[in-house]
PDB file of N, CA and C in Angstrom:
ATOM      1  N   MET A   1       1.187  -1.331   0.009  1.00  0.00           N
ATOM      2  CA  MET A   1       0.083  -0.150  -0.059  1.00  0.00           C
ATOM      3  C   MET A   1       0.690   1.300   0.168  1.00  0.00           C
ATOM      4  N   PRO A   2       0.763   2.341  -0.969  1.00  0.00           N
ATOM      5  CA  PRO A   2       1.872   3.277  -0.939  1.00  0.00           C
ATOM      6  C   PRO A   2       1.485   4.424   0.239  1.00  0.00           C
ATOM      7  N   ARG A   3       2.308   4.892   0.569  1.00  0.00           N
ATOM      8  CA  ARG A   3       2.278   6.099   1.565  1.00  0.00           C
ATOM      9  C   ARG A   3       1.927   7.341   1.076  1.00  0.00           C
ATOM     10  N   SER A   4       1.182   7.975   1.592  1.00  0.00           N
ATOM     11  CA  SER A   4       0.849   9.441   1.174  1.00  0.00           C
ATOM     12  C   SER A   4       1.506  10.584   1.783  1.00  0.00           C
ATOM     13  N   SER A   5       2.051  11.326   1.369  1.00  0.00           N
ATOM     14  CA  SER A   5       2.815  12.490   1.776  1.00  0.00           C
ATOM     15  C   SER A   5       1.951  13.400   2.244  1.00  0.00           C
ATOM     16  N   ALA A   6       0.291  13.332   2.209  1.00  0.00           N
ATOM     17  CA  ALA A   6      -0.670  14.093   2.748  1.00  0.00           C
ATOM     18  C   ALA A   6      -0.789  14.301   4.309  1.00  0.00           C
ATOM     19  N   ALA A   7      -0.847  14.979   4.868  1.00  0.00           N
ATOM     20  CA  ALA A   7      -0.862  15.132   6.348  1.00  0.00           C
ATOM     21  C   ALA A   7      -2.168  14.527   6.693  1.00  0.00           C
ATOM     22  N   PRO A   8      -2.157  13.889   7.882  1.00  0.00           N
ATOM     23  CA  PRO A   8      -3.241  13.284   8.152  1.00  0.00           C
ATOM     24  C   PRO A   8      -4.443  14.170   8.734  1.00  0.00           C
ATOM     25  N   ARG A   9      -5.586  13.713   8.665  1.00  0.00           N
ATOM     26  CA  ARG A   9      -6.682  14.487   8.943  1.00  0.00           C
ATOM     27  C   ARG A   9      -7.250  14.560  10.523  1.00  0.00           C
ATOM     28  N   PRO A  10      -7.436  15.573  11.092  1.00  0.00           N
ATOM     29  CA  PRO A  10      -7.272  15.772  12.376  1.00  0.00           C
ATOM     30  C   PRO A  10      -8.800  15.052  12.712  1.00  0.00           C
ATOM     31  N   LEU A  11      -8.925  14.296  13.999  1.00  0.00           N
ATOM     32  CA  LEU A  11     -10.345  13.623  14.277  1.00  0.00           C
ATOM     33  C   LEU A  11     -11.472  14.396  14.710  1.00  0.00           C
ATOM     34  N   VAL A  12     -10.857  15.849  15.164  1.00  0.00           N
ATOM     35  CA  VAL A  12     -11.968  16.587  15.600  1.00  0.00           C
ATOM     36  C   VAL A  12     -11.912  17.854  14.633  1.00  0.00           C
ATOM     37  N   PRO A  13     -13.131  18.193  13.829  1.00  0.00           N
ATOM     38  CA  PRO A  13     -13.119  19.328  13.386  1.00  0.00           C
ATOM     39  C   PRO A  13     -12.493  20.567  13.954  1.00  0.00           C
ATOM     40  N   GLN A  14     -11.630  21.249  13.130  1.00  0.00           N
ATOM     41  CA  GLN A  14     -11.086  22.358  13.897  1.00  0.00           C
ATOM     42  C   GLN A  14     -12.224  23.721  13.485  1.00  0.00           C
ATOM     43  N   THR A  15     -12.468  24.494  14.589  1.00  0.00           N
ATOM     44  CA  THR A  15     -13.397  25.554  14.225  1.00  0.00           C
ATOM     45  C   THR A  15     -12.543  27.000  14.538  1.00  0.00           C
ATOM     46  N   PRO A  16     -12.825  27.875  13.787  1.00  0.00           N
ATOM     47  CA  PRO A  16     -12.075  28.949  14.156  1.00  0.00           C
ATOM     48  C   PRO A  16     -12.510  29.561  15.552  1.00  0.00           C
ATOM     49  N   ALA A  17     -11.340  30.316  15.812  1.00  0.00           N
ATOM     50  CA  ALA A  17     -11.977  30.974  17.189  1.00  0.00           C
ATOM     51  C   ALA A  17     -12.540  31.942  17.592  1.00  0.00           C
ATOM     52  N   PRO A  18     -13.410  31.942  18.342  1.00  0.00           N
ATOM     53  CA  PRO A  18     -14.338  33.169  18.152  1.00  0.00           C
ATOM     54  C   PRO A  18     -14.008  34.571  18.007  1.00  0.00           C
ATOM     55  N   TRP A  19     -14.567  35.407  17.543  1.00  0.00           N
ATOM     56  CA  TRP A  19     -14.066  37.003  17.596  1.00  0.00           C
ATOM     57  C   TRP A  19     -14.914  37.837  18.609  1.00  0.00           C
ATOM     58  N   TYR A  20     -14.352  38.621  19.222  1.00  0.00           N
ATOM     59  CA  TYR A  20     -15.400  39.318  20.117  1.00  0.00           C
ATOM     60  C   TYR A  20     -14.773  40.582  20.066  1.00  0.00           C
ATOM     61  N   PRO A  21     -15.119  41.645  20.301  1.00  0.00           N
ATOM     62  CA  PRO A  21     -14.569  42.824  20.263  1.00  0.00           C
ATOM     63  C   PRO A  21     -13.728  43.239  21.226  1.00  0.00           C
ATOM     64  N   ASP A  22     -12.665  44.060  21.128  1.00  0.00           N
ATOM     65  CA  ASP A  22     -11.572  44.008  22.271  1.00  0.00           C
ATOM     66  C   ASP A  22     -11.957  44.483  23.682  1.00  0.00           C
ATOM     67  N   ASP A  23     -12.962  45.110  23.616  1.00  0.00           N
ATOM     68  CA  ASP A  23     -13.325  45.624  24.948  1.00  0.00           C
ATOM     69  C   ASP A  23     -14.327  44.853  25.907  1.00  0.00           C
ATOM     70  N   LEU A  24     -14.577  43.613  25.063  1.00  0.00           N
ATOM     71  CA  LEU A  24     -15.644  42.782  25.723  1.00  0.00           C
ATOM     72  C   LEU A  24     -14.945  42.036  27.088  1.00  0.00           C
ATOM     73  N   LEU A  25     -13.745  41.296  26.647  1.00  0.00           N
ATOM     74  CA  LEU A  25     -13.198  40.864  27.785  1.00  0.00           C
ATOM     75  C   LEU A  25     -12.654  41.521  28.790  1.00  0.00           C
ATOM     76  N   SER A  26     -12.452  42.738  28.946  1.00  0.00           N
ATOM     77  CA  SER A  26     -12.020  43.842  29.882  1.00  0.00           C
ATOM     78  C   SER A  26     -13.604  44.384  30.705  1.00  0.00           C
ATOM     79  N   GLU A  27     -14.618  44.309  29.845  1.00  0.00           N
ATOM     80  CA  GLU A  27     -15.721  44.731  30.467  1.00  0.00           C
ATOM     81  C   GLU A  27     -16.455  43.513  31.291  1.00  0.00           C
ATOM     82  N   LEU A  28     -16.266  42.271  30.957  1.00  0.00           N
ATOM     83  CA  LEU A  28     -16.480  41.369  31.298  1.00  0.00           C
ATOM     84  C   LEU A  28     -15.720  41.216  32.869  1.00  0.00           C
ATOM     85  N   GLN A  29     -14.490  41.493  32.836  1.00  0.00           N
ATOM     86  CA  GLN A  29     -13.603  41.122  33.832  1.00  0.00           C
ATOM     87  C   GLN A  29     -13.997  42.233  34.934  1.00  0.00           C
ATOM     88  N   SER A  30     -14.008  43.397  34.376  1.00  0.00           N
ATOM     89  CA  SER A  30     -14.252  44.488  35.409  1.00  0.00           C
ATOM     90  C   SER A  30     -15.836  44.272  36.023  1.00  0.00           C
ATOM     91  N   THR A  31     -16.693  44.071  35.335  1.00  0.00           N
ATOM     92  CA  THR A  31     -17.964  43.645  35.950  1.00  0.00           C
ATOM     93  C   THR A  31     -17.909  42.805  37.059  1.00  0.00           C
ATOM     94  N   LEU A  32     -17.126  41.772  36.659  1.00  0.00           N
ATOM     95  CA  LEU A  32     -16.865  40.492  37.642  1.00  0.00           C
ATOM     96  C   LEU A  32     -16.186  40.832  39.056  1.00  0.00           C
ATOM     97  N   ALA A  33     -15.221  41.323  38.305  1.00  0.00           N
ATOM     98  CA  ALA A  33     -14.297  42.091  39.771  1.00  0.00           C
ATOM     99  C   ALA A  33     -15.181  42.975  40.387  1.00  0.00           C
ATOM    100  N   ALA A  34     -16.021  43.977  40.466  1.00  0.00           N
ATOM    101  CA  ALA A  34     -16.814  44.482  40.921  1.00  0.00           C
ATOM    102  C   ALA A  34     -18.210  44.091  41.886  1.00  0.00           C
ATOM    103  N   LEU A  35     -18.381  43.006  40.946  1.00  0.00           N
ATOM    104  CA  LEU A  35     -19.457  42.025  42.021  1.00  0.00           C
ATOM    105  C   LEU A  35     -18.640  41.612  42.845  1.00  0.00           C
ATOM    106  N   ALA A  36     -17.489  40.904  42.805  1.00  0.00           N
ATOM    107  CA  ALA A  36     -16.824  40.037  43.740  1.00  0.00           C
ATOM    108  C   ALA A  36     -16.393  40.953  44.903  1.00  0.00           C
ATOM    109  N   ASP A  37     -16.025  42.456  44.603  1.00  0.00           N
ATOM    110  CA  ASP A  37     -15.677  43.367  45.973  1.00  0.00           C
ATOM    111  C   ASP A  37     -16.960  43.579  46.636  1.00  0.00           C
ATOM    112  N   ILE A  38     -18.263  43.418  45.858  1.00  0.00           N
ATOM    113  CA  ILE A  38     -19.551  43.865  46.538  1.00  0.00           C
ATOM    114  C   ILE A  38     -19.752  42.560  47.423  1.00  0.00           C
ATOM    115  N   GLU A  39     -19.366  41.415  47.188  1.00  0.00           N
ATOM    116  CA  GLU A  39     -19.790  40.023  47.773  1.00  0.00           C
ATOM    117  C   GLU A  39     -18.742  40.053  48.982  1.00  0.00           C
ATOM    118  N   VAL A  40     -17.768  40.450  48.827  1.00  0.00           N
ATOM    119  CA  VAL A  40     -16.664  40.488  50.021  1.00  0.00           C
ATOM    120  C   VAL A  40     -17.016  41.230  51.264  1.00  0.00           C
ATOM    121  N   GLN A  41     -17.360  42.618  50.571  1.00  0.00           N
ATOM    122  CA  GLN A  41     -17.612  43.769  51.579  1.00  0.00           C
ATOM    123  C   GLN A  41     -19.139  43.118  52.358  1.00  0.00           C
ATOM    124  N   TYR A  42     -19.909  42.750  51.594  1.00  0.00           N
ATOM    125  CA  TYR A  42     -21.183  42.186  52.132  1.00  0.00           C
ATOM    126  C   TYR A  42     -20.724  40.806  53.144  1.00  0.00           C
ATOM    127  N   GLU A  43     -20.035  39.864  52.687  1.00  0.00           N
ATOM    128  CA  GLU A  43     -19.747  38.876  53.737  1.00  0.00           C
ATOM    129  C   GLU A  43     -19.171  39.527  54.855  1.00  0.00           C
ATOM    130  N   THR A  44     -17.926  40.233  54.729  1.00  0.00           N
ATOM    131  CA  THR A  44     -17.384  41.193  55.875  1.00  0.00           C
ATOM    132  C   THR A  44     -18.337  41.817  56.933  1.00  0.00           C
ATOM    133  N   ASP A  45     -19.141  42.555  56.458  1.00  0.00           N
ATOM    134  CA  ASP A  45     -20.269  43.242  57.057  1.00  0.00           C
ATOM    135  C   ASP A  45     -21.184  42.481  57.892  1.00  0.00           C
ATOM    136  N   ARG A  46     -21.561  41.333  57.088  1.00  0.00           N
ATOM    137  CA  ARG A  46     -22.696  40.375  57.687  1.00  0.00           C
ATOM    138  C   ARG A  46     -21.852  39.497  58.841  1.00  0.00           C
ATOM    139  N   GLU A  47     -20.636  39.250  58.500  1.00  0.00           N
ATOM    140  CA  GLU A  47     -19.757  38.703  59.580  1.00  0.00           C
ATOM    141  C   GLU A  47     -19.434  39.441  60.905  1.00  0.00           C
ATOM    142  N   ARG A  48     -19.408  40.780  60.934  1.00  0.00           N
ATOM    143  CA  ARG A  48     -19.099  41.659  61.852  1.00  0.00           C
ATOM    144  C   ARG A  48     -20.492  41.671  62.586  1.00  0.00           C
ATOM    145  N   LEU A  49     -21.574  42.145  61.627  1.00  0.00           N
ATOM    146  CA  LEU A  49     -22.704  42.067  62.746  1.00  0.00           C
ATOM    147  C   LEU A  49     -23.309  40.975  63.233  1.00  0.00           C
ATOM    148  N   GLU A  50     -22.846  39.730  62.878  1.00  0.00           N
ATOM    149  CA  GLU A  50     -23.150  38.657  63.457  1.00  0.00           C
ATOM    150  C   GLU A  50     -22.495  38.181  64.899  1.00  0.00           C
ATOM    151  N   ALA A  51     -21.166  38.968  64.950  1.00  0.00           N
ATOM    152  CA  ALA A  51     -20.137  39.014  65.973  1.00  0.00           C
ATOM    153  C   ALA A  51     -20.410  40.254  67.144  1.00  0.00           C
ATOM    154  N   TRP A  52     -21.351  41.053  66.582  1.00  0.00           N
ATOM    155  CA  TRP A  52     -21.877  42.317  67.535  1.00  0.00           C
ATOM    156  C   TRP A  52     -22.372  41.708  68.112  1.00  0.00           C
ATOM    157  N   ALA A  53     -22.176  42.425  69.585  1.00  0.00           N
ATOM    158  CA  ALA A  53     -22.990  41.557  71.032  1.00  0.00           C
ATOM    159  C   ALA A  53     -24.311  42.482  71.173  1.00  0.00           C
ATOM    160  N   GLY A  54     -24.814  43.557  70.374  1.00  0.00           N
ATOM    161  CA  GLY A  54     -26.131  44.410  70.328  1.00  0.00           C
ATOM    162  C   GLY A  54     -27.247  43.306  70.512  1.00  0.00           C
ATOM    163  N   PRO A  55     -28.488  44.200  70.887  1.00  0.00           N
ATOM    164  CA  PRO A  55     -29.526  43.547  71.112  1.00  0.00           C
ATOM    165  C   PRO A  55     -30.108  42.900  69.865  1.00  0.00           C
ATOM    166  N   GLU A  56     -30.735  41.778  69.870  1.00  0.00           N
ATOM    167  CA  GLU A  56     -31.091  40.868  68.655  1.00  0.00           C
ATOM    168  C   GLU A  56     -32.125  41.897  67.752  1.00  0.00           C
ATOM    169  N   ALA A  57     -33.090  42.616  68.306  1.00  0.00           N
ATOM    170  CA  ALA A  57     -33.860  43.457  67.409  1.00  0.00           C
ATOM    171  C   ALA A  57     -33.041  44.368  66.431  1.00  0.00           C
ATOM    172  N   ILE A  58     -32.180  45.141  66.968  1.00  0.00           N
ATOM    173  CA  ILE A  58     -31.335  46.042  66.142  1.00  0.00           C
ATOM    174  C   ILE A  58     -30.618  45.093  65.227  1.00  0.00           C
ATOM    175  N   LYS A  59     -30.020  44.019  65.389  1.00  0.00           N
ATOM    176  CA  LYS A  59     -29.103  43.300  64.572  1.00  0.00           C
ATOM    177  C   LYS A  59     -29.900  42.763  63.445  1.00  0.00           C
ATOM    178  N   LYS A  60     -31.526  42.336  63.713  1.00  0.00           N
ATOM    179  CA  LYS A  60     -32.136  41.903  62.478  1.00  0.00           C
ATOM    180  C   LYS A  60     -32.386  43.215  61.663  1.00  0.00           C
ATOM    181  N   ARG A  61     -32.548  44.284  62.178  1.00  0.00           N
ATOM    182  CA  ARG A  61     -32.924  45.725  61.438  1.00  0.00           C
ATOM    183  C   ARG A  61     -31.887  45.854  60.659  1.00  0.00           C
ATOM    184  N   PHE A  62     -30.526  45.804  61.194  1.00  0.00           N
ATOM    185  CA  PHE A  62     -29.181  46.078  60.704  1.00  0.00           C
ATOM    186  C   PHE A  62     -29.193  45.175  59.564  1.00  0.00           C
ATOM    187  N   GLY A  63     -29.266  43.980  60.164  1.00  0.00           N
ATOM    188  CA  GLY A  63     -29.540  42.695  58.799  1.00  0.00           C
ATOM    189  C   GLY A  63     -30.092  42.976  57.699  1.00  0.00           C
ATOM    190  N   ALA A  64     -31.362  43.640  57.816  1.00  0.00           N
ATOM    191  CA  ALA A  64     -32.362  44.046  56.809  1.00  0.00           C
ATOM    192  C   ALA A  64     -31.770  44.718  55.902  1.00  0.00           C
ATOM    193  N   GLN A  65     -31.197  46.024  56.632  1.00  0.00           N
ATOM    194  CA  GLN A  65     -30.610  47.032  55.810  1.00  0.00           C
ATOM    195  C   GLN A  65     -29.303  46.898  54.986  1.00  0.00           C
ATOM    196  N   LEU A  66     -28.682  45.732  55.940  1.00  0.00           N
ATOM    197  CA  LEU A  66     -27.538  45.280  55.109  1.00  0.00           C
ATOM    198  C   LEU A  66     -27.967  44.706  53.644  1.00  0.00           C
ATOM    199  N   GLU A  67     -28.929  43.627  53.968  1.00  0.00           N
ATOM    200  CA  GLU A  67     -29.154  42.937  52.477  1.00  0.00           C
ATOM    201  C   GLU A  67     -29.799  43.697  51.378  1.00  0.00           C
ATOM    202  N   GLU A  68     -30.478  44.600  51.989  1.00  0.00           N
ATOM    203  CA  GLU A  68     -31.180  45.787  50.833  1.00  0.00           C
ATOM    204  C   GLU A  68     -29.981  46.583  50.328  1.00  0.00           C
ATOM    205  N   ARG A  69     -29.028  46.929  50.962  1.00  0.00           N
ATOM    206  CA  ARG A  69     -27.840  47.718  50.375  1.00  0.00           C
ATOM    207  C   ARG A  69     -27.078  46.986  49.523  1.00  0.00           C
ATOM    208  N   HIS A  70     -27.002  45.489  49.857  1.00  0.00           N
ATOM    209  CA  HIS A  70     -26.350  44.625  49.104  1.00  0.00           C
ATOM    210  C   HIS A  70     -26.813  44.537  47.758  1.00  0.00           C
ATOM    211  N   GLN A  71     -27.994  44.302  47.858  1.00  0.00           N
ATOM    212  CA  GLN A  71     -29.137  43.980  46.372  1.00  0.00           C
ATOM    213  C   GLN A  71     -28.855  45.414  45.441  1.00  0.00           C
ATOM    214  N   GLN A  72     -28.911  46.399  46.047  1.00  0.00           N
ATOM    215  CA  GLN A  72     -29.194  47.719  45.595  1.00  0.00           C
ATOM    216  C   GLN A  72     -27.352  47.810  44.848  1.00  0.00           C
ATOM    217  N   ASP A  73     -26.570  47.723  45.624  1.00  0.00           N
ATOM    218  CA  ASP A  73     -25.030  47.464  45.120  1.00  0.00           C
ATOM    219  C   ASP A  73     -24.883  46.653  44.095  1.00  0.00           C
ATOM    220  N   ARG A  74     -25.468  45.489  43.916  1.00  0.00           N
ATOM    221  CA  ARG A  74     -25.240  44.491  42.887  1.00  0.00           C
ATOM    222  C   ARG A  74     -25.991  44.613  41.804  1.00  0.00           C
ATOM    223  N   GLU A  75     -27.332  45.339  41.985  1.00  0.00           N
ATOM    224  CA  GLU A  75     -28.010  45.149  40.627  1.00  0.00           C
ATOM    225  C   GLU A  75     -27.510  45.771  39.421  1.00  0.00           C
ATOM    226  N   PRO A  76     -26.588  47.140  39.416  1.00  0.00           N
ATOM    227  CA  PRO A  76     -26.228  47.563  37.953  1.00  0.00           C
ATOM    228  C   PRO A  76     -25.187  46.641  37.330  1.00  0.00           C
ATOM    229  N   TYR A  77     -24.425  45.818  38.365  1.00  0.00           N
ATOM    230  CA  TYR A  77     -23.654  45.100  37.777  1.00  0.00           C
ATOM    231  C   TYR A  77     -24.103  43.650  37.219  1.00  0.00           C
ATOM    232  N   VAL A  78     -25.159  43.325  37.992  1.00  0.00           N
ATOM    233  CA  VAL A  78     -25.942  42.343  37.493  1.00  0.00           C
ATOM    234  C   VAL A  78     -26.353  42.435  36.006  1.00  0.00           C
ATOM    235  N   GLN A  79     -27.065  43.786  35.940  1.00  0.00           N
ATOM    236  CA  GLN A  79     -27.614  44.244  34.475  1.00  0.00           C
ATOM    237  C   GLN A  79     -26.201  44.322  33.663  1.00  0.00           C
ATOM    238  N   ARG A  80     -25.368  44.803  33.915  1.00  0.00           N
ATOM    239  CA  ARG A  80     -24.322  44.897  33.130  1.00  0.00           C
ATOM    240  C   ARG A  80     -24.071  43.550  32.799  1.00  0.00           C
ATOM    241  N   LEU A  81     -23.793  42.573  33.344  1.00  0.00           N
ATOM    242  CA  LEU A  81     -23.740  41.159  32.693  1.00  0.00           C
ATOM    243  C   LEU A  81     -24.652  40.834  32.094  1.00  0.00           C
ATOM    244  N   ALA A  82     -26.009  41.089  32.372  1.00  0.00           N
ATOM    245  CA  ALA A  82     -27.098  40.495  31.270  1.00  0.00           C
ATOM    246  C   ALA A  82     -26.794  41.273  29.917  1.00  0.00           C
ATOM    247  N   ASP A  83     -26.507  42.491  29.868  1.00  0.00           N
ATOM    248  CA  ASP A  83     -26.306  43.175  28.889  1.00  0.00           C
ATOM    249  C   ASP A  83     -25.447  42.677  28.095  1.00  0.00           C
ATOM    250  N   LEU A  84     -23.917  42.382  28.745  1.00  0.00           N
ATOM    251  CA  LEU A  84     -22.855  41.498  27.745  1.00  0.00           C
ATOM    252  C   LEU A  84     -23.060  40.479  27.508  1.00  0.00           C
ATOM    253  N   HIS A  85     -23.878  39.671  27.865  1.00  0.00           N
ATOM    254  CA  HIS A  85     -24.428  38.114  27.455  1.00  0.00           C
ATOM    255  C   HIS A  85     -25.247  38.263  26.487  1.00  0.00           C
ATOM    256  N   CYS A  86     -26.014  39.256  26.317  1.00  0.00           N
ATOM    257  CA  CYS A  86     -27.115  39.609  25.106  1.00  0.00           C
ATOM    258  C   CYS A  86     -26.083  39.898  23.879  1.00  0.00           C
ATOM    259  N   TRP A  87     -25.139  40.732  24.455  1.00  0.00           N
ATOM    260  CA  TRP A  87     -24.026  41.089  23.322  1.00  0.00           C
ATOM    261  C   TRP A  87     -23.254  40.269  22.404  1.00  0.00           C
ATOM    262  N   MET A  88     -23.077  38.963  23.516  1.00  0.00           N
ATOM    263  CA  MET A  88     -22.253  37.759  23.158  1.00  0.00           C
ATOM    264  C   MET A  88     -22.960  37.159  22.364  1.00  0.00           C
ATOM    265  N   ILE A  89     -24.319  37.164  22.760  1.00  0.00           N
ATOM    266  CA  ILE A  89     -25.131  35.997  21.992  1.00  0.00           C
ATOM    267  C   ILE A  89     -25.283  36.615  20.477  1.00  0.00           C
ATOM    268  N   LYS A  90     -25.605  38.080  20.506  1.00  0.00           N
ATOM    269  CA  LYS A  90     -25.726  38.606  18.980  1.00  0.00           C
ATOM    270  C   LYS A  90     -24.422  38.313  18.385  1.00  0.00           C
ATOM    271  N   ILE A  91     -23.183  38.471  18.973  1.00  0.00           N
ATOM    272  CA  ILE A  91     -21.943  38.238  18.364  1.00  0.00           C
ATOM    273  C   ILE A  91     -21.941  36.909  17.893  1.00  0.00           C
ATOM    274  N   MET A  92     -22.429  36.078  18.555  1.00  0.00           N
ATOM    275  CA  MET A  92     -22.330  34.352  18.176  1.00  0.00           C
ATOM    276  C   MET A  92     -23.297  34.209  17.301  1.00  0.00           C
ATOM    277  N   THR A  93     -24.383  34.856  17.174  1.00  0.00           N
ATOM    278  CA  THR A  93     -25.315  34.477  16.085  1.00  0.00           C
ATOM    279  C   THR A  93     -24.933  35.031  14.895  1.00  0.00           C
ATOM    280  N   LEU A  94     -23.988  36.325  14.433  1.00  0.00           N
ATOM    281  CA  LEU A  94     -24.040  36.580  13.491  1.00  0.00           C
ATOM    282  C   LEU A  94     -22.962  36.177  12.931  1.00  0.00           C
ATOM    283  N   GLU A  95     -21.903  35.394  13.689  1.00  0.00           N
ATOM    284  CA  GLU A  95     -20.934  34.569  13.565  1.00  0.00           C
ATOM    285  C   GLU A  95     -21.403  33.552  12.518  1.00  0.00           C
ATOM    286  N   ASP A  96     -22.615  32.744  13.331  1.00  0.00           N
ATOM    287  CA  ASP A  96     -23.015  31.525  12.731  1.00  0.00           C
ATOM    288  C   ASP A  96     -23.960  31.978  11.476  1.00  0.00           C
ATOM    289  N   ILE A  97     -24.180  33.116  11.378  1.00  0.00           N
ATOM    290  CA  ILE A  97     -25.070  33.456  10.009  1.00  0.00           C
ATOM    291  C   ILE A  97     -23.881  33.606   9.034  1.00  0.00           C
ATOM    292  N   CYS A  98     -22.890  34.402   9.307  1.00  0.00           N
ATOM    293  CA  CYS A  98     -21.804  34.614   8.313  1.00  0.00           C
ATOM    294  C   CYS A  98     -21.164  33.479   7.966  1.00  0.00           C
ATOM    295  N   SER A  99     -20.774  32.303   8.794  1.00  0.00           N
ATOM    296  CA  SER A  99     -19.819  31.568   8.424  1.00  0.00           C
ATOM    297  C   SER A  99     -20.988  30.331   8.151  1.00  0.00           C
ATOM    298  N   ASN A 100     -22.252  30.351   7.638  1.00  0.00           N
ATOM    299  CA  ASN A 100     -23.015  28.950   7.286  1.00  0.00           C
ATOM    300  C   ASN A 100     -23.035  29.361   5.712  1.00  0.00           C
ATOM    301  N   PRO A 101     -22.643  28.585   5.005  1.00  0.00           N
ATOM    302  CA  PRO A 101     -22.871  29.304   3.324  1.00  0.00           C
ATOM    303  C   PRO A 101     -24.308  28.698   2.729  1.00  0.00           C
TER     304      PRO A 101
END
């Protein structure tokens, strides 16, 4: 059987690397970093409140305020992640449309 000089075909089809705008990765990273900072601050404040020896009724009220502030602080970043996700979906959909003959 003659040997071929052609390179063997890969077992897995190769797909091109996805293309994203340059600022997408940095936007994702900065948004996730901001959310992580908010979570760390919330956990620190919550642990501090739990360790506080004050009256239970006041601790509950402060805990509710802390939770409300936590949700308010997170909301714009969670919304930004949702927006970035939609952006990524649009990019991927456009790539699919453009790459299908």
